[in-house]
Protein backbone atom coordinates (compact mmCIF):
# COMPACT_ATOMS: atom_id res chain seq x y z
CA MET A 1 133.17 57.59 148.21
CA LYS A 2 133.73 54.94 150.76
CA ASN A 3 135.93 54.77 153.68
CA LYS A 4 138.39 51.89 153.45
CA ILE A 5 138.38 49.85 156.57
CA THR A 6 141.40 48.11 157.35
CA ILE A 7 140.95 44.29 158.98
CA ILE A 8 143.64 43.27 161.02
CA ILE A 9 143.79 39.53 161.88
CA PRO A 10 146.03 38.36 164.33
CA CYS A 11 146.29 34.33 164.18
CA PHE A 12 147.85 31.64 166.16
CA ASN A 13 147.53 28.20 165.20
CA GLU A 14 144.16 28.82 163.37
CA LYS A 15 143.86 25.87 160.81
CA ASN A 16 140.49 24.67 161.91
CA PHE A 17 139.25 28.08 161.67
CA ILE A 18 141.14 30.65 159.29
CA ARG A 19 139.44 29.43 156.43
CA GLU A 20 136.24 30.05 157.76
CA ILE A 21 137.08 33.48 159.05
CA LEU A 22 138.58 34.81 156.03
CA ARG A 23 135.50 33.67 153.94
CA LYS A 24 133.22 35.58 156.54
CA VAL A 25 135.53 38.90 156.30
CA ASN A 26 135.41 38.81 152.62
CA ASN A 27 131.34 38.39 152.35
CA GLN A 28 131.88 42.03 153.66
CA ARG A 29 133.46 43.15 150.61
CA LYS A 30 130.43 43.78 148.53
CA ASP A 31 128.89 46.45 151.42
CA LEU A 32 132.52 47.71 152.67
CA ASP A 33 135.99 48.68 150.79
CA LEU A 34 138.39 46.73 152.87
CA GLN A 35 141.79 45.89 153.02
CA ILE A 36 142.24 42.52 154.96
CA ILE A 37 145.64 42.12 156.86
CA VAL A 38 146.50 38.80 158.25
CA SER A 39 149.53 38.73 160.86
CA ASP A 40 150.48 35.11 161.42
CA ASP A 41 151.92 34.80 164.98
CA GLY A 42 154.29 32.11 164.74
CA SER A 43 151.87 29.14 163.69
CA ASP A 44 153.52 25.50 163.51
CA ASP A 45 149.76 23.62 162.73
CA GLY A 46 149.55 24.66 158.90
CA THR A 47 148.02 27.71 159.27
CA TYR A 48 150.83 29.60 157.61
CA GLU A 49 151.08 27.52 154.99
CA PHE A 50 147.39 27.71 154.39
CA LEU A 51 147.27 31.33 153.85
CA LEU A 52 150.47 31.00 151.38
CA ASN A 53 148.49 28.76 149.38
CA ASN A 54 145.24 31.17 149.60
CA LYS A 55 146.64 34.49 148.72
CA SER A 56 143.27 35.74 147.30
CA LEU A 57 141.73 35.26 150.67
CA TYR A 58 143.53 38.73 151.83
CA ASP A 59 145.39 41.45 150.81
CA ASP A 60 148.65 41.67 152.99
CA LEU A 61 150.24 38.66 155.07
CA ILE A 62 152.52 38.91 157.85
CA ARG A 63 154.72 36.50 159.90
CA ASN A 64 156.38 36.63 163.15
CA ASP A 65 158.86 33.58 163.17
CA ILE A 66 158.44 32.47 166.54
CA ASN A 67 155.05 32.63 168.65
CA SER A 68 155.09 36.39 170.23
CA GLY A 69 151.52 37.04 171.57
CA LYS A 70 148.47 39.06 170.13
CA GLY A 71 150.03 42.22 171.01
CA SER A 72 153.24 41.71 168.79
CA ALA A 73 151.00 40.37 165.78
CA ILE A 74 149.11 43.44 166.24
CA LYS A 75 152.29 45.67 166.47
CA LYS A 76 153.76 44.12 163.16
CA ALA A 77 150.41 44.83 161.01
CA ILE A 78 150.19 48.38 161.89
CA ASP A 79 152.53 49.83 159.52
CA LYS A 80 150.58 48.16 156.53
CA ILE A 81 147.21 49.88 157.36
CA LYS A 82 145.75 51.67 154.43
CA GLY A 83 142.93 52.26 155.46
CA ASP A 84 140.83 55.36 157.44
CA VAL A 85 139.50 53.03 159.99
CA THR A 86 140.82 49.93 161.52
CA ILE A 87 139.21 47.03 163.15
CA ILE A 88 140.97 44.11 165.04
CA GLN A 89 139.38 40.66 164.25
CA ASP A 90 140.35 37.75 166.06
CA ALA A 91 140.35 34.50 163.68
CA ASP A 92 138.50 32.09 165.87
CA LEU A 93 135.22 33.00 164.88
CA GLU A 94 134.14 34.23 168.54
CA TYR A 95 133.11 37.66 166.89
CA SER A 96 131.13 37.80 163.63
CA PRO A 97 132.42 39.86 160.83
CA THR A 98 128.72 40.51 160.07
CA GLU A 99 128.87 43.50 162.60
CA TYR A 100 131.21 45.74 161.09
CA LYS A 101 128.65 48.23 160.09
CA LYS A 102 127.55 48.88 163.54
CA LEU A 103 131.13 48.83 165.14
CA ILE A 104 132.01 51.86 162.57
CA PHE A 105 129.01 53.58 162.75
CA PRO A 106 130.15 55.81 165.59
CA ILE A 107 132.85 56.77 164.10
CA LEU A 108 131.56 57.16 160.22
CA GLU A 109 128.51 58.90 161.65
CA LEU A 110 128.82 60.03 165.64
CA ASN A 111 132.52 61.60 165.36
CA ALA A 112 133.65 59.05 167.73
CA ASP A 113 137.34 58.06 167.95
CA ILE A 114 137.31 54.57 169.04
CA THR A 115 134.76 51.81 169.07
CA TYR A 116 134.83 48.96 171.63
CA GLY A 117 132.36 46.02 171.33
CA ASN A 118 130.66 44.78 174.42
CA ARG A 119 129.61 41.02 175.13
CA PHE A 120 127.68 41.48 177.92
CA SER A 121 124.67 43.90 176.64
CA ASN A 122 122.02 41.34 176.50
CA TYR A 123 120.95 43.06 173.19
CA ASP A 124 122.52 39.81 170.96
CA TYR A 125 123.54 36.34 171.62
CA GLU A 126 126.17 35.30 173.84
CA ARG A 127 127.43 31.81 174.47
CA LEU A 128 127.25 30.67 177.76
CA HIS A 129 130.51 29.53 179.19
CA TYR A 130 133.16 29.78 182.01
CA PHE A 131 131.92 31.86 184.84
CA SER A 132 135.57 32.31 186.22
CA HIS A 133 136.10 34.19 182.67
CA ARG A 134 133.41 36.45 183.40
CA ILE A 135 134.59 37.20 186.68
CA ALA A 136 138.14 38.08 185.92
CA ASN A 137 136.78 40.33 182.97
CA PHE A 138 134.34 42.15 185.52
CA LEU A 139 137.19 42.65 188.11
CA LEU A 140 139.41 43.86 185.36
CA THR A 141 137.06 46.02 183.54
CA LEU A 142 136.51 47.48 187.03
CA LEU A 143 139.93 48.28 187.87
CA VAL A 144 140.40 50.15 184.50
CA ASN A 145 137.10 52.11 185.13
CA ILE A 146 138.59 53.07 188.90
CA PHE A 147 141.99 53.86 187.20
CA THR A 148 140.56 55.87 184.24
CA ASN A 149 136.99 57.28 185.19
CA VAL A 150 135.93 56.06 182.28
CA ASN A 151 132.73 53.28 182.44
CA PHE A 152 133.99 50.18 180.40
CA LYS A 153 131.65 47.32 180.17
CA ASP A 154 133.91 44.86 178.55
CA VAL A 155 137.98 46.22 178.25
CA GLU A 156 138.77 42.45 177.02
CA CYS A 157 136.75 42.48 174.26
CA GLY A 158 138.55 41.40 171.20
CA PHE A 159 136.72 43.80 169.05
CA LYS A 160 138.17 46.94 169.10
CA VAL A 161 138.14 49.92 166.03
CA PHE A 162 140.25 52.92 165.78
CA LYS A 163 140.77 55.61 163.74
CA SER A 164 143.58 54.87 161.67
CA ASN A 165 145.71 57.25 162.64
CA ILE A 166 144.83 57.34 166.19
CA LEU A 167 145.96 53.54 166.14
CA LYS A 168 149.19 54.34 164.38
CA ASN A 169 150.22 56.94 166.95
CA ILE A 170 149.98 54.57 169.84
CA THR A 171 153.56 53.02 170.64
CA ILE A 172 152.33 49.41 171.90
CA ASN A 173 154.98 47.56 174.29
CA GLU A 174 152.95 44.62 174.86
CA ASN A 175 153.54 41.44 172.86
CA SER A 176 150.67 39.28 175.13
CA PHE A 177 146.97 39.89 175.47
CA GLY A 178 148.41 42.46 177.59
CA PHE A 179 147.93 44.75 174.78
CA GLU A 180 143.82 45.11 175.84
CA ILE A 181 144.69 46.64 178.64
CA GLU A 182 147.56 48.89 177.83
CA ILE A 183 145.63 50.30 174.85
CA THR A 184 142.78 50.71 176.53
CA LYS A 185 144.78 52.68 179.19
CA LYS A 186 146.71 55.04 176.81
CA ILE A 187 143.54 55.67 174.84
CA CYS A 188 142.03 56.96 178.41
CA LYS A 189 144.67 59.12 179.17
CA LYS A 190 144.63 61.02 175.27
CA GLY A 191 140.86 61.73 176.07
CA TYR A 192 139.52 60.20 173.04
CA LYS A 193 135.94 59.72 171.98
CA ILE A 194 134.93 56.34 172.93
CA PHE A 195 131.76 54.30 172.59
CA GLN A 196 130.31 51.05 172.88
CA VAL A 197 128.61 48.59 170.83
CA PRO A 198 126.81 45.36 171.80
CA VAL A 199 128.40 42.55 169.93
CA SER A 200 127.16 38.62 169.93
CA TYR A 201 129.81 36.30 171.35
CA ASN A 202 130.41 32.88 170.24
CA GLY A 203 132.94 32.20 172.73
CA ARG A 204 135.02 28.74 172.30
CA SER A 205 136.35 26.26 174.72
CA TYR A 206 139.63 25.08 175.38
CA SER A 207 138.83 22.02 173.60
CA ASP A 208 138.13 24.34 170.69
CA GLY A 209 141.55 25.78 171.02
CA LYS A 210 140.46 28.92 173.07
CA LYS A 211 144.46 30.14 174.03
CA ILE A 212 143.93 32.94 176.77
CA LYS A 213 145.20 31.32 180.19
CA LEU A 214 145.08 32.36 183.85
CA LYS A 215 148.86 33.90 183.39
CA ASP A 216 146.98 36.75 180.90
CA ALA A 217 144.69 37.58 183.78
CA PHE A 218 147.85 38.30 186.01
CA ARG A 219 149.40 39.89 182.86
CA ALA A 220 146.26 42.38 182.53
CA LEU A 221 146.73 43.39 186.20
CA TYR A 222 150.10 44.05 185.86
CA CYS A 223 149.41 46.14 182.90
CA ILE A 224 146.52 48.14 184.66
CA LEU A 225 149.01 49.27 187.13
CA ARG A 226 151.93 49.81 185.01
CA TYR A 227 150.07 51.75 182.39
């Protein structure tokens, strides 16, 4: 019997990408037993209306009435999880659903509890992009490693995979992109078995709709110290 895999897709104003990402996620059903949860974070560009009119593309739809952040969208989806393993999948096409199998392999075959994607492994393609973002990610990852004594390569990678029972039992406070740091610090404190897997990365520009800003880097720093 296949393990059921839950895909949580937090999204905000992704009308140009939501159809394609859902198409790509659904293409993985031929090999994986998927539950697809879309958590719309107060979109006002037509994304939510598209979702309402295309219910065959997902299994569950959740809606924040106002835009509250990625962490908030993920928190609202957790109660809907039915799978044994849960994958966080951003809606912006930066991460490819074709890599689900290698992301879940450590959990299904190596007794891992959690898998983090690593965009900077040199084993897969990486779109060359903002140097400032690379430096910020390096510094945040370094600080997390110092505080946790765990050798992460890419704590801000959007591809994160959890045994579902673990994700359900972590109290998440952060509504913003600070979710990435909060959950990292909390799983380290619990001593879970964590793997890193090389993933490809087709990072988009701000003109394409990229949403993370300088304030999110400062929030991440705050989360490193808080948690």
